Amino acid sequence: MQTFSSDQAVDLAVVQRSGFVESRHRGSAVVLAPDGSVALSVGAPEELIFPRSTLKPFQAVAAMKAGAALRGEQVAIAAASHTGTFDHLDAVSSILKAAGLGPEALQCPPDWPQDEDTRAWLVRTERGQNRMCMNCSGKHAAFLLACVTNGWPTDTYLDPEHPLQRLVLETVEEFAGEAPAHVGVDGCGAPLPAISLKGLARMYSTLGRAARNIQADARAATVATSMLDYPEYVQGPGRSNTVIMEELDVITKLGAEGVLGLGTRSGWSVAIKMIDGSSRANSLVGLTLLAHTGAISEADAARVLDLVTQPITGAGKPVGAVELAPALQDLLV
C-alpha cells in the first residue's frame, strides 16, 4: 500500500526567495462543509494517508471511552504533540500518578523536549533524554490510565490486539466514516491506521462541532473543548497549533509528514497532506481554505498567519515568503 503519488498531487504552496521560486510543496487538500459535502478538493483526497498525530484527539476519546478519568489540561495533553514545557511534564505526571505508575511505564521513546528551558535544565542537571519529554507522552499516559482502570495489561498496551488499541481503531472508524485499510506503527510506537484524507476531514468536522456543545458526544465534546480551553498544552506557547486555537477558536492539530486537520465549531473542516512531508506551508494553506469558505474572515486569517508563518530570510532579514501556489490561487478566485 502507498499514499498518493506526486503526479496525483498539486502545488499547494511555493517558497519565494528574492523573486525566485526556490521550492514547491505539493499535496492534497479537502474542505468539507458542515453538511459533510465536499466544498473544495485538490489532489487526491480519496487516497490513503497515515494521519500521524492528527489522530491524537481521537485516541484520547478512545482512552476516555475506556474509562480514563481525564480533566482539563490532562485531556489537552493527551491530545497533544507537546513541546515539553515544565507545565506539560506536570500534566503528564498527574495522569501517571492517577494510574499509580511512574514514567518507566511509558513505552514512547526517550527524547529531548523542544522547549528550550526544559532542555537546558535537563542538560544542566545531567538528566538527559527521557520518555516524559517525548511529544506523545501525554497520549501514552492516557493509554496507561485506561489500562489500569480496566485491569488490562500495561506492558502490552501498544499491541494492535490489545483491547485498548482495538477500541482506538473502532473510534477512528466511527469518526472517519470508513474502516482503516492498513495499520502501521507510528513514531511513538502506537498502532497507526491508514485512512483517506477525506475521512480525516470528517473526523475534524465532527470534532469541531463538538466543542462547547452539550448535545455532542460527551467525550468528543470534552476533548474538543479542552483543546480550545487549554491550547498551550496541545503544542506549546507561540507554536502554530496553539496560536491558531487561541486566536481563532478553531481546532487545529498537526501530524508528522505534512498532515494537518482543522475543524470549526460550525462544522467546516480542512485536511491537508503534503507529499514531501513538510509542514512549513500547512497553516497558510489551511487557514486560507477556511477563509475562502467564509468559516473565518480573511482579515482574521491574515492576522494569524502573520503570527505563525516563518519568513524566508537572508542574513536575518526577510527576503521572501511562503506563498500559495498559483494553481491553488486560481481555484480560490
C-alpha atoms as a PDB file:
ATOM      1  CA  MET A   1       0.000   0.000   0.000  1.00  0.00           C
ATOM      2  CA  GLN A   2       1.031   3.590  -0.515  1.00  0.00           C
ATOM      3  CA  THR A   3      -0.230   7.135  -0.369  1.00  0.00           C
ATOM      4  CA  PHE A   4      -0.989   9.246  -3.420  1.00  0.00           C
ATOM      5  CA  SER A   5       1.800   9.909  -5.904  1.00  0.00           C
ATOM      6  CA  SER A   6       3.485  13.169  -6.813  1.00  0.00           C
ATOM      7  CA  ASP A   7       1.670  13.040 -10.152  1.00  0.00           C
ATOM      8  CA  GLN A   8      -1.673  12.985  -8.320  1.00  0.00           C
ATOM      9  CA  ALA A   9      -0.644  15.859  -6.040  1.00  0.00           C
ATOM     10  CA  VAL A  10      -0.884  19.535  -6.909  1.00  0.00           C
ATOM     11  CA  ASP A  11       1.246  22.532  -5.997  1.00  0.00           C
ATOM     12  CA  LEU A  12      -0.286  23.970  -2.820  1.00  0.00           C
ATOM     13  CA  ALA A  13       2.448  26.418  -1.854  1.00  0.00           C
ATOM     14  CA  VAL A  14       5.740  27.767  -3.109  1.00  0.00           C
ATOM     15  CA  VAL A  15       8.739  29.295  -1.381  1.00  0.00           C
ATOM     16  CA  GLN A  16       9.719  32.586  -2.971  1.00  0.00           C
ATOM     17  CA  ARG A  17      13.209  33.935  -2.254  1.00  0.00           C
ATOM     18  CA  SER A  18      14.304  37.243  -3.788  1.00  0.00           C
ATOM     19  CA  GLY A  19      11.687  36.973  -6.538  1.00  0.00           C
ATOM     20  CA  PHE A  20      12.718  33.388  -7.390  1.00  0.00           C
ATOM     21  CA  VAL A  21      10.569  30.315  -6.649  1.00  0.00           C
ATOM     22  CA  GLU A  22      13.035  28.149  -4.762  1.00  0.00           C
ATOM     23  CA  SER A  23      10.839  25.264  -3.566  1.00  0.00           C
ATOM     24  CA  ARG A  24       7.372  23.819  -4.097  1.00  0.00           C
ATOM     25  CA  HIS A  25       5.127  21.993  -1.650  1.00  0.00           C
ATOM     26  CA  ARG A  26       2.819  19.567  -3.449  1.00  0.00           C
ATOM     27  CA  GLY A  27      -0.013  17.743  -1.793  1.00  0.00           C
ATOM     28  CA  SER A  28      -3.714  17.107  -1.476  1.00  0.00           C
ATOM     29  CA  ALA A  29      -6.367  19.002   0.454  1.00  0.00           C
ATOM     30  CA  VAL A  30     -10.091  18.743   1.032  1.00  0.00           C
ATOM     31  CA  VAL A  31     -12.618  21.104   2.600  1.00  0.00           C
ATOM     32  CA  LEU A  32     -15.895  19.747   3.954  1.00  0.00           C
ATOM     33  CA  ALA A  33     -18.973  21.855   4.565  1.00  0.00           C
ATOM     34  CA  PRO A  34     -20.963  21.357   7.781  1.00  0.00           C
ATOM     35  CA  ASP A  35     -23.393  19.030   5.962  1.00  0.00           C
ATOM     36  CA  GLY A  36     -20.492  16.740   5.004  1.00  0.00           C
ATOM     37  CA  SER A  37     -20.409  17.719   1.349  1.00  0.00           C
ATOM     38  CA  VAL A  38     -17.109  18.472  -0.367  1.00  0.00           C
ATOM     39  CA  ALA A  39     -16.732  22.229  -0.737  1.00  0.00           C
ATOM     40  CA  LEU A  40     -13.278  22.054  -2.333  1.00  0.00           C
ATOM     41  CA  SER A  41     -10.974  19.228  -3.318  1.00  0.00           C
ATOM     42  CA  VAL A  42      -7.466  19.317  -4.786  1.00  0.00           C
ATOM     43  CA  GLY A  43      -5.094  16.469  -5.452  1.00  0.00           C
ATOM     44  CA  ALA A  44      -6.222  13.009  -4.390  1.00  0.00           C
ATOM     45  CA  PRO A  45      -8.092  13.261  -1.041  1.00  0.00           C
ATOM     46  CA  GLU A  46      -9.723   9.851  -1.549  1.00  0.00           C
ATOM     47  CA  GLU A  47      -6.328   8.143  -1.379  1.00  0.00           C
ATOM     48  CA  LEU A  48      -4.926   6.709   1.848  1.00  0.00           C
ATOM     49  CA  ILE A  49      -2.647   8.595   4.209  1.00  0.00           C
ATOM     50  CA  PHE A  50      -1.171   7.958   7.630  1.00  0.00           C
ATOM     51  CA  PRO A  51      -2.785  10.755   9.713  1.00  0.00           C
ATOM     52  CA  ARG A  52       0.028  10.605  12.272  1.00  0.00           C
ATOM     53  CA  SER A  53      -0.554  12.892  15.268  1.00  0.00           C
ATOM     54  CA  THR A  54      -3.770  14.356  13.893  1.00  0.00           C
ATOM     55  CA  LEU A  55      -5.254  11.153  15.377  1.00  0.00           C
ATOM     56  CA  LYS A  56      -4.307  12.085  18.943  1.00  0.00           C
ATOM     57  CA  PRO A  57      -7.594  13.785  19.867  1.00  0.00           C
ATOM     58  CA  PHE A  58      -9.431  10.634  18.821  1.00  0.00           C
ATOM     59  CA  GLN A  59      -7.009   8.351  20.644  1.00  0.00           C
ATOM     60  CA  ALA A  60      -7.801  10.496  23.689  1.00  0.00           C
ATOM     61  CA  VAL A  61     -11.516   9.960  23.033  1.00  0.00           C
ATOM     62  CA  ALA A  62     -10.891   6.195  22.963  1.00  0.00           C
ATOM     63  CA  ALA A  63      -8.933   6.306  26.230  1.00  0.00           C
ATOM     64  CA  MET A  64     -11.825   8.159  27.845  1.00  0.00           C
ATOM     65  CA  LYS A  65     -14.321   5.677  26.400  1.00  0.00           C
ATOM     66  CA  ALA A  66     -12.278   3.033  28.193  1.00  0.00           C
ATOM     67  CA  GLY A  67     -12.739   4.896  31.464  1.00  0.00           C
ATOM     68  CA  ALA A  68      -9.653   7.106  31.713  1.00  0.00           C
ATOM     69  CA  ALA A  69     -10.825   9.905  34.022  1.00  0.00           C
ATOM     70  CA  LEU A  70      -9.098  12.913  32.474  1.00  0.00           C
ATOM     71  CA  ARG A  71      -9.838  16.528  33.335  1.00  0.00           C
ATOM     72  CA  GLY A  72      -8.882  19.937  31.933  1.00  0.00           C
ATOM     73  CA  GLU A  73      -5.246  20.154  30.921  1.00  0.00           C
ATOM     74  CA  GLN A  74      -4.935  16.369  31.248  1.00  0.00           C
ATOM     75  CA  VAL A  75      -7.324  15.987  28.303  1.00  0.00           C
ATOM     76  CA  ALA A  76      -5.415  18.563  26.270  1.00  0.00           C
ATOM     77  CA  ILE A  77      -2.052  16.915  26.946  1.00  0.00           C
ATOM     78  CA  ALA A  78      -3.491  13.520  25.963  1.00  0.00           C
ATOM     79  CA  ALA A  79      -4.411  15.051  22.580  1.00  0.00           C
ATOM     80  CA  ALA A  80      -1.098  16.887  22.268  1.00  0.00           C
ATOM     81  CA  SER A  81       2.169  16.903  20.430  1.00  0.00           C
ATOM     82  CA  HIS A  82       3.617  18.937  23.257  1.00  0.00           C
ATOM     83  CA  THR A  83       6.939  20.764  23.387  1.00  0.00           C
ATOM     84  CA  GLY A  84       7.849  19.520  26.855  1.00  0.00           C
ATOM     85  CA  THR A  85       7.480  22.624  28.987  1.00  0.00           C
ATOM     86  CA  PHE A  86       7.501  22.116  32.749  1.00  0.00           C
ATOM     87  CA  ASP A  87       3.712  22.575  32.741  1.00  0.00           C
ATOM     88  CA  HIS A  88       3.410  19.859  30.096  1.00  0.00           C
ATOM     89  CA  LEU A  89       5.505  17.469  32.143  1.00  0.00           C
ATOM     90  CA  ASP A  90       3.425  18.210  35.241  1.00  0.00           C
ATOM     91  CA  ALA A  91       0.242  17.346  33.338  1.00  0.00           C
ATOM     92  CA  VAL A  92       1.694  14.052  32.101  1.00  0.00           C
ATOM     93  CA  SER A  93       2.902  13.263  35.628  1.00  0.00           C
ATOM     94  CA  SER A  94      -0.572  13.877  37.037  1.00  0.00           C
ATOM     95  CA  ILE A  95      -2.070  11.272  34.668  1.00  0.00           C
ATOM     96  CA  LEU A  96       0.595   8.730  35.582  1.00  0.00           C
ATOM     97  CA  LYS A  97       0.034   9.445  39.279  1.00  0.00           C
ATOM     98  CA  ALA A  98      -3.696   8.774  38.845  1.00  0.00           C
ATOM     99  CA  ALA A  99      -2.747   5.440  37.288  1.00  0.00           C
ATOM    100  CA  GLY A 100      -0.355   4.652  40.135  1.00  0.00           C
ATOM    101  CA  LEU A 101       2.522   4.376  37.670  1.00  0.00           C
ATOM    102  CA  GLY A 102       5.840   6.082  37.090  1.00  0.00           C
ATOM    103  CA  PRO A 103       7.487   7.367  33.883  1.00  0.00           C
ATOM    104  CA  GLU A 104       9.149   3.980  33.379  1.00  0.00           C
ATOM    105  CA  ALA A 105       5.744   2.565  32.367  1.00  0.00           C
ATOM    106  CA  LEU A 106       5.663   4.798  29.274  1.00  0.00           C
ATOM    107  CA  GLN A 107       6.637   2.974  26.083  1.00  0.00           C
ATOM    108  CA  CYS A 108       7.185   6.033  23.899  1.00  0.00           C
ATOM    109  CA  PRO A 109      10.894   6.514  23.132  1.00  0.00           C
ATOM    110  CA  PRO A 110      13.103   8.819  25.229  1.00  0.00           C
ATOM    111  CA  ASP A 111      13.582  12.235  23.661  1.00  0.00           C
ATOM    112  CA  TRP A 112      14.756  15.771  24.265  1.00  0.00           C
ATOM    113  CA  PRO A 113      11.961  18.329  24.767  1.00  0.00           C
ATOM    114  CA  GLN A 114      11.503  21.002  22.123  1.00  0.00           C
ATOM    115  CA  ASP A 115      11.122  23.599  24.869  1.00  0.00           C
ATOM    116  CA  GLU A 116      14.465  25.335  25.349  1.00  0.00           C
ATOM    117  CA  ASP A 117      14.102  25.994  29.086  1.00  0.00           C
ATOM    118  CA  THR A 118      13.336  22.364  29.882  1.00  0.00           C
ATOM    119  CA  ARG A 119      16.092  21.123  27.621  1.00  0.00           C
ATOM    120  CA  ALA A 120      18.636  23.459  29.246  1.00  0.00           C
ATOM    121  CA  TRP A 121      17.560  22.223  32.686  1.00  0.00           C
ATOM    122  CA  LEU A 122      17.953  18.588  31.630  1.00  0.00           C
ATOM    123  CA  VAL A 123      21.442  19.283  30.272  1.00  0.00           C
ATOM    124  CA  ARG A 124      22.455  21.341  33.300  1.00  0.00           C
ATOM    125  CA  THR A 125      21.284  18.649  35.736  1.00  0.00           C
ATOM    126  CA  GLU A 126      22.726  15.849  33.587  1.00  0.00           C
ATOM    127  CA  ARG A 127      19.377  14.086  33.292  1.00  0.00           C
ATOM    128  CA  GLY A 128      19.468  13.581  29.523  1.00  0.00           C
ATOM    129  CA  GLN A 129      16.647  12.393  27.312  1.00  0.00           C
ATOM    130  CA  ASN A 130      13.585  10.791  28.855  1.00  0.00           C
ATOM    131  CA  ARG A 131      10.194   9.386  27.896  1.00  0.00           C
ATOM    132  CA  MET A 132       8.212  12.147  29.620  1.00  0.00           C
ATOM    133  CA  CYS A 133       9.706  14.715  27.228  1.00  0.00           C
ATOM    134  CA  MET A 134       8.707  12.829  24.086  1.00  0.00           C
ATOM    135  CA  ASN A 135       5.895  14.824  22.451  1.00  0.00           C
ATOM    136  CA  CYS A 136       3.481  11.864  22.609  1.00  0.00           C
ATOM    137  CA  SER A 137       3.901  11.150  26.325  1.00  0.00           C
ATOM    138  CA  GLY A 138       0.506  12.612  27.226  1.00  0.00           C
ATOM    139  CA  LYS A 139      -1.233  10.194  24.872  1.00  0.00           C
ATOM    140  CA  HIS A 140       0.739   7.280  26.295  1.00  0.00           C
ATOM    141  CA  ALA A 141      -0.047   8.295  29.876  1.00  0.00           C
ATOM    142  CA  ALA A 142      -3.766   8.376  28.995  1.00  0.00           C
ATOM    143  CA  PHE A 143      -3.425   4.929  27.414  1.00  0.00           C
ATOM    144  CA  LEU A 144      -1.893   3.615  30.641  1.00  0.00           C
ATOM    145  CA  LEU A 145      -4.612   5.146  32.810  1.00  0.00           C
ATOM    146  CA  ALA A 146      -7.266   3.476  30.649  1.00  0.00           C
ATOM    147  CA  CYS A 147      -5.482   0.135  31.023  1.00  0.00           C
ATOM    148  CA  VAL A 148      -5.209   0.401  34.805  1.00  0.00           C
ATOM    149  CA  THR A 149      -8.860   1.426  35.062  1.00  0.00           C
ATOM    150  CA  ASN A 150      -9.908  -1.742  33.246  1.00  0.00           C
ATOM    151  CA  GLY A 151      -7.335  -4.125  34.651  1.00  0.00           C
ATOM    152  CA  TRP A 152      -5.816  -4.529  31.198  1.00  0.00           C
ATOM    153  CA  PRO A 153      -2.098  -5.336  30.767  1.00  0.00           C
ATOM    154  CA  THR A 154       0.101  -2.256  30.802  1.00  0.00           C
ATOM    155  CA  ASP A 155       3.186  -3.920  29.364  1.00  0.00           C
ATOM    156  CA  THR A 156       1.492  -4.665  26.018  1.00  0.00           C
ATOM    157  CA  TYR A 157      -0.660  -1.543  25.664  1.00  0.00           C
ATOM    158  CA  LEU A 158       0.807  -0.771  22.216  1.00  0.00           C
ATOM    159  CA  ASP A 159      -0.010  -4.190  20.770  1.00  0.00           C
ATOM    160  CA  PRO A 160      -2.596  -3.773  17.972  1.00  0.00           C
ATOM    161  CA  GLU A 161      -4.551  -6.665  19.500  1.00  0.00           C
ATOM    162  CA  HIS A 162      -4.668  -5.070  22.949  1.00  0.00           C
ATOM    163  CA  PRO A 163      -8.282  -4.230  23.892  1.00  0.00           C
ATOM    164  CA  LEU A 164      -7.432  -0.538  24.145  1.00  0.00           C
ATOM    165  CA  GLN A 165      -5.935  -0.415  20.649  1.00  0.00           C
ATOM    166  CA  ARG A 166      -8.904  -2.288  19.229  1.00  0.00           C
ATOM    167  CA  LEU A 167     -11.092   0.411  20.789  1.00  0.00           C
ATOM    168  CA  VAL A 168      -8.901   3.099  19.204  1.00  0.00           C
ATOM    169  CA  LEU A 169      -9.422   1.545  15.760  1.00  0.00           C
ATOM    170  CA  GLU A 170     -13.174   1.347  16.357  1.00  0.00           C
ATOM    171  CA  THR A 171     -13.181   5.023  17.366  1.00  0.00           C
ATOM    172  CA  VAL A 172     -11.235   6.055  14.264  1.00  0.00           C
ATOM    173  CA  GLU A 173     -13.685   4.142  12.068  1.00  0.00           C
ATOM    174  CA  GLU A 174     -16.643   5.761  13.837  1.00  0.00           C
ATOM    175  CA  PHE A 175     -15.384   9.322  13.345  1.00  0.00           C
ATOM    176  CA  ALA A 176     -13.838   8.830   9.874  1.00  0.00           C
ATOM    177  CA  GLY A 177     -16.848   7.026   8.447  1.00  0.00           C
ATOM    178  CA  GLU A 178     -14.575   4.387   6.959  1.00  0.00           C
ATOM    179  CA  ALA A 179     -12.646   1.364   8.146  1.00  0.00           C
ATOM    180  CA  PRO A 180      -8.848   1.710   8.352  1.00  0.00           C
ATOM    181  CA  ALA A 181      -7.370  -0.002   5.322  1.00  0.00           C
ATOM    182  CA  HIS A 182      -3.964  -0.710   6.846  1.00  0.00           C
ATOM    183  CA  VAL A 183      -2.341  -0.469  10.271  1.00  0.00           C
ATOM    184  CA  GLY A 184       1.283   0.542  10.701  1.00  0.00           C
ATOM    185  CA  VAL A 185       3.409   1.801  13.592  1.00  0.00           C
ATOM    186  CA  ASP A 186       3.667   5.487  14.484  1.00  0.00           C
ATOM    187  CA  GLY A 187       6.895   7.176  15.551  1.00  0.00           C
ATOM    188  CA  CYS A 188       5.968   6.758  19.220  1.00  0.00           C
ATOM    189  CA  GLY A 189       5.244   3.044  18.772  1.00  0.00           C
ATOM    190  CA  ALA A 190       1.432   3.231  18.776  1.00  0.00           C
ATOM    191  CA  PRO A 191      -0.609   1.463  16.101  1.00  0.00           C
ATOM    192  CA  LEU A 192      -1.259   3.829  13.191  1.00  0.00           C
ATOM    193  CA  PRO A 193      -4.330   3.283  10.966  1.00  0.00           C
ATOM    194  CA  ALA A 194      -4.363   4.463   7.355  1.00  0.00           C
ATOM    195  CA  ILE A 195      -7.484   6.316   6.215  1.00  0.00           C
ATOM    196  CA  SER A 196      -8.326   8.709   3.418  1.00  0.00           C
ATOM    197  CA  LEU A 197      -7.709  12.440   3.716  1.00  0.00           C
ATOM    198  CA  LYS A 198     -11.455  12.876   3.251  1.00  0.00           C
ATOM    199  CA  GLY A 199     -12.020  10.566   6.233  1.00  0.00           C
ATOM    200  CA  LEU A 200      -9.690  12.737   8.297  1.00  0.00           C
ATOM    201  CA  ALA A 201     -11.708  15.811   7.299  1.00  0.00           C
ATOM    202  CA  ARG A 202     -14.871  14.060   8.511  1.00  0.00           C
ATOM    203  CA  MET A 203     -13.182  13.444  11.852  1.00  0.00           C
ATOM    204  CA  TYR A 204     -12.283  17.107  12.265  1.00  0.00           C
ATOM    205  CA  SER A 205     -15.727  18.290  11.206  1.00  0.00           C
ATOM    206  CA  THR A 206     -17.246  16.188  13.991  1.00  0.00           C
ATOM    207  CA  LEU A 207     -14.596  17.262  16.496  1.00  0.00           C
ATOM    208  CA  GLY A 208     -15.007  20.940  15.678  1.00  0.00           C
ATOM    209  CA  ARG A 209     -18.790  20.796  16.103  1.00  0.00           C
ATOM    210  CA  ALA A 210     -18.367  19.023  19.443  1.00  0.00           C
ATOM    211  CA  ALA A 211     -16.521  21.906  21.108  1.00  0.00           C
ATOM    212  CA  ARG A 212     -18.620  23.537  23.837  1.00  0.00           C
ATOM    213  CA  ASN A 213     -21.627  21.585  22.527  1.00  0.00           C
ATOM    214  CA  ILE A 214     -23.679  19.826  25.206  1.00  0.00           C
ATOM    215  CA  GLN A 215     -25.573  17.913  22.508  1.00  0.00           C
ATOM    216  CA  ALA A 216     -22.442  16.328  21.057  1.00  0.00           C
ATOM    217  CA  ASP A 217     -20.830  13.035  22.051  1.00  0.00           C
ATOM    218  CA  ALA A 218     -19.693  13.710  25.616  1.00  0.00           C
ATOM    219  CA  ARG A 219     -16.113  12.512  25.155  1.00  0.00           C
ATOM    220  CA  ALA A 220     -15.616  14.269  21.829  1.00  0.00           C
ATOM    221  CA  ALA A 221     -17.021  17.427  23.417  1.00  0.00           C
ATOM    222  CA  THR A 222     -14.638  17.084  26.358  1.00  0.00           C
ATOM    223  CA  VAL A 223     -11.601  16.625  24.102  1.00  0.00           C
ATOM    224  CA  ALA A 224     -12.528  19.427  21.696  1.00  0.00           C
ATOM    225  CA  THR A 225     -13.440  21.869  24.458  1.00  0.00           C
ATOM    226  CA  SER A 226     -10.287  21.103  26.432  1.00  0.00           C
ATOM    227  CA  MET A 227      -8.139  21.679  23.344  1.00  0.00           C
ATOM    228  CA  LEU A 228      -9.676  25.137  22.932  1.00  0.00           C
ATOM    229  CA  ASP A 229      -9.609  25.919  26.657  1.00  0.00           C
ATOM    230  CA  TYR A 230      -6.000  24.758  27.154  1.00  0.00           C
ATOM    231  CA  PRO A 231      -4.379  25.305  23.726  1.00  0.00           C
ATOM    232  CA  GLU A 232      -0.949  25.889  25.285  1.00  0.00           C
ATOM    233  CA  TYR A 233      -0.934  22.201  26.238  1.00  0.00           C
ATOM    234  CA  VAL A 234      -1.784  20.942  22.729  1.00  0.00           C
ATOM    235  CA  GLN A 235       1.530  22.136  21.306  1.00  0.00           C
ATOM    236  CA  GLY A 236       3.223  24.943  23.202  1.00  0.00           C
ATOM    237  CA  PRO A 237       3.373  28.710  23.745  1.00  0.00           C
ATOM    238  CA  GLY A 238       3.948  30.538  20.471  1.00  0.00           C
ATOM    239  CA  ARG A 239       3.593  27.374  18.363  1.00  0.00           C
ATOM    240  CA  SER A 240       1.274  27.348  15.354  1.00  0.00           C
ATOM    241  CA  ASN A 241      -1.408  24.962  16.677  1.00  0.00           C
ATOM    242  CA  THR A 242      -1.607  26.804  19.972  1.00  0.00           C
ATOM    243  CA  VAL A 243      -1.718  30.271  18.415  1.00  0.00           C
ATOM    244  CA  ILE A 244      -4.443  29.345  15.902  1.00  0.00           C
ATOM    245  CA  MET A 245      -6.636  27.899  18.647  1.00  0.00           C
ATOM    246  CA  GLU A 246      -6.005  30.889  20.930  1.00  0.00           C
ATOM    247  CA  GLU A 247      -6.759  33.448  18.245  1.00  0.00           C
ATOM    248  CA  LEU A 248      -9.473  31.784  16.136  1.00  0.00           C
ATOM    249  CA  ASP A 249     -11.153  29.171  18.370  1.00  0.00           C
ATOM    250  CA  VAL A 250     -10.542  26.594  15.611  1.00  0.00           C
ATOM    251  CA  ILE A 251      -9.496  23.037  16.477  1.00  0.00           C
ATOM    252  CA  THR A 252      -6.016  22.625  14.977  1.00  0.00           C
ATOM    253  CA  LYS A 253      -3.673  19.632  15.032  1.00  0.00           C
ATOM    254  CA  LEU A 254      -0.544  18.960  13.042  1.00  0.00           C
ATOM    255  CA  GLY A 255       0.732  15.498  12.265  1.00  0.00           C
ATOM    256  CA  ALA A 256       4.177  14.436  11.142  1.00  0.00           C
ATOM    257  CA  GLU A 257       4.951  14.156   7.431  1.00  0.00           C
ATOM    258  CA  GLY A 258       2.971  17.219   6.430  1.00  0.00           C
ATOM    259  CA  VAL A 259      -0.518  16.419   7.768  1.00  0.00           C
ATOM    260  CA  LEU A 260      -2.922  18.972   9.240  1.00  0.00           C
ATOM    261  CA  GLY A 261      -6.518  18.795  10.462  1.00  0.00           C
ATOM    262  CA  LEU A 262      -8.681  21.848  11.156  1.00  0.00           C
ATOM    263  CA  GLY A 263     -12.248  21.917  12.451  1.00  0.00           C
ATOM    264  CA  THR A 264     -14.520  24.851  13.239  1.00  0.00           C
ATOM    265  CA  ARG A 265     -17.348  24.895  15.757  1.00  0.00           C
ATOM    266  CA  SER A 266     -19.750  25.427  12.841  1.00  0.00           C
ATOM    267  CA  GLY A 267     -18.615  22.135  11.270  1.00  0.00           C
ATOM    268  CA  TRP A 268     -16.321  23.300   8.473  1.00  0.00           C
ATOM    269  CA  SER A 269     -13.171  21.216   8.234  1.00  0.00           C
ATOM    270  CA  VAL A 270      -9.928  21.046   6.287  1.00  0.00           C
ATOM    271  CA  ALA A 271      -7.500  18.149   5.926  1.00  0.00           C
ATOM    272  CA  ILE A 272      -4.119  18.528   4.217  1.00  0.00           C
ATOM    273  CA  LYS A 273      -1.253  16.196   3.365  1.00  0.00           C
ATOM    274  CA  MET A 274       1.979  17.486   1.810  1.00  0.00           C
ATOM    275  CA  ILE A 275       3.600  14.760  -0.264  1.00  0.00           C
ATOM    276  CA  ASP A 276       7.104  15.975   0.635  1.00  0.00           C
ATOM    277  CA  GLY A 277       6.380  15.552   4.368  1.00  0.00           C
ATOM    278  CA  SER A 278       6.934  19.239   5.151  1.00  0.00           C
ATOM    279  CA  SER A 279       4.560  21.176   7.420  1.00  0.00           C
ATOM    280  CA  ARG A 280       6.016  24.571   6.566  1.00  0.00           C
ATOM    281  CA  ALA A 281       3.058  25.709   4.450  1.00  0.00           C
ATOM    282  CA  ASN A 282       0.224  23.821   6.145  1.00  0.00           C
ATOM    283  CA  SER A 283      -1.124  26.677   8.270  1.00  0.00           C
ATOM    284  CA  LEU A 284      -1.041  29.019   5.273  1.00  0.00           C
ATOM    285  CA  VAL A 285      -2.989  26.608   3.097  1.00  0.00           C
ATOM    286  CA  GLY A 286      -5.394  25.516   5.840  1.00  0.00           C
ATOM    287  CA  LEU A 287      -6.385  28.974   7.084  1.00  0.00           C
ATOM    288  CA  THR A 288      -6.660  30.315   3.535  1.00  0.00           C
ATOM    289  CA  LEU A 289      -9.051  27.498   2.632  1.00  0.00           C
ATOM    290  CA  LEU A 290     -11.162  28.170   5.736  1.00  0.00           C
ATOM    291  CA  ALA A 291     -11.290  31.868   4.885  1.00  0.00           C
ATOM    292  CA  HIS A 292     -12.306  31.052   1.304  1.00  0.00           C
ATOM    293  CA  THR A 293     -15.369  29.198   2.608  1.00  0.00           C
ATOM    294  CA  GLY A 294     -16.284  32.058   4.941  1.00  0.00           C
ATOM    295  CA  ALA A 295     -15.732  29.855   8.010  1.00  0.00           C
ATOM    296  CA  ILE A 296     -13.293  32.500   9.265  1.00  0.00           C
ATOM    297  CA  SER A 297     -12.758  36.020   7.971  1.00  0.00           C
ATOM    298  CA  GLU A 298      -9.957  36.814   5.549  1.00  0.00           C
ATOM    299  CA  ALA A 299      -8.762  39.514   7.945  1.00  0.00           C
ATOM    300  CA  ASP A 300      -8.514  37.034  10.828  1.00  0.00           C
ATOM    301  CA  ALA A 301      -6.706  34.507   8.637  1.00  0.00           C
ATOM    302  CA  ALA A 302      -4.170  37.123   7.527  1.00  0.00           C
ATOM    303  CA  ARG A 303      -3.660  38.377  11.068  1.00  0.00           C
ATOM    304  CA  VAL A 304      -2.980  34.911  12.481  1.00  0.00           C
ATOM    305  CA  LEU A 305      -0.815  33.858   9.545  1.00  0.00           C
ATOM    306  CA  ASP A 306       1.443  36.805  10.350  1.00  0.00           C
ATOM    307  CA  LEU A 307       1.914  35.209  13.782  1.00  0.00           C
ATOM    308  CA  VAL A 308       2.580  31.619  12.690  1.00  0.00           C
ATOM    309  CA  THR A 309       4.254  31.798   9.270  1.00  0.00           C
ATOM    310  CA  GLN A 310       8.040  31.964   9.319  1.00  0.00           C
ATOM    311  CA  PRO A 311       9.594  34.444   6.868  1.00  0.00           C
ATOM    312  CA  ILE A 312      12.203  33.466   4.327  1.00  0.00           C
ATOM    313  CA  THR A 313      15.356  35.263   5.434  1.00  0.00           C
ATOM    314  CA  GLY A 314      18.802  36.230   4.267  1.00  0.00           C
ATOM    315  CA  ALA A 315      21.317  37.400   6.887  1.00  0.00           C
ATOM    316  CA  GLY A 316      18.424  37.534   9.333  1.00  0.00           C
ATOM    317  CA  LYS A 317      16.302  39.861   7.178  1.00  0.00           C
ATOM    318  CA  PRO A 318      13.128  38.909   5.240  1.00  0.00           C
ATOM    319  CA  VAL A 319      13.891  38.307   1.571  1.00  0.00           C
ATOM    320  CA  GLY A 320      10.915  36.201   0.558  1.00  0.00           C
ATOM    321  CA  ALA A 321       7.859  34.318   1.760  1.00  0.00           C
ATOM    322  CA  VAL A 322       5.939  31.066   1.734  1.00  0.00           C
ATOM    323  CA  GLU A 323       3.052  31.745  -0.640  1.00  0.00           C
ATOM    324  CA  LEU A 324       0.039  29.961  -2.087  1.00  0.00           C
ATOM    325  CA  ALA A 325       0.887  28.237  -5.340  1.00  0.00           C
ATOM    326  CA  PRO A 326      -0.630  29.841  -8.461  1.00  0.00           C
ATOM    327  CA  ALA A 327      -2.679  26.692  -9.174  1.00  0.00           C
ATOM    328  CA  LEU A 328      -4.377  26.953  -5.768  1.00  0.00           C
ATOM    329  CA  GLN A 329      -4.801  30.720  -6.052  1.00  0.00           C
ATOM    330  CA  ASP A 330      -6.653  30.196  -9.332  1.00  0.00           C
ATOM    331  CA  LEU A 331      -9.110  27.837  -7.660  1.00  0.00           C
ATOM    332  CA  LEU A 332      -9.887  30.404  -4.980  1.00  0.00           C
ATOM    333  CA  VAL A 333     -10.676  33.308  -7.305  1.00  0.00           C
END
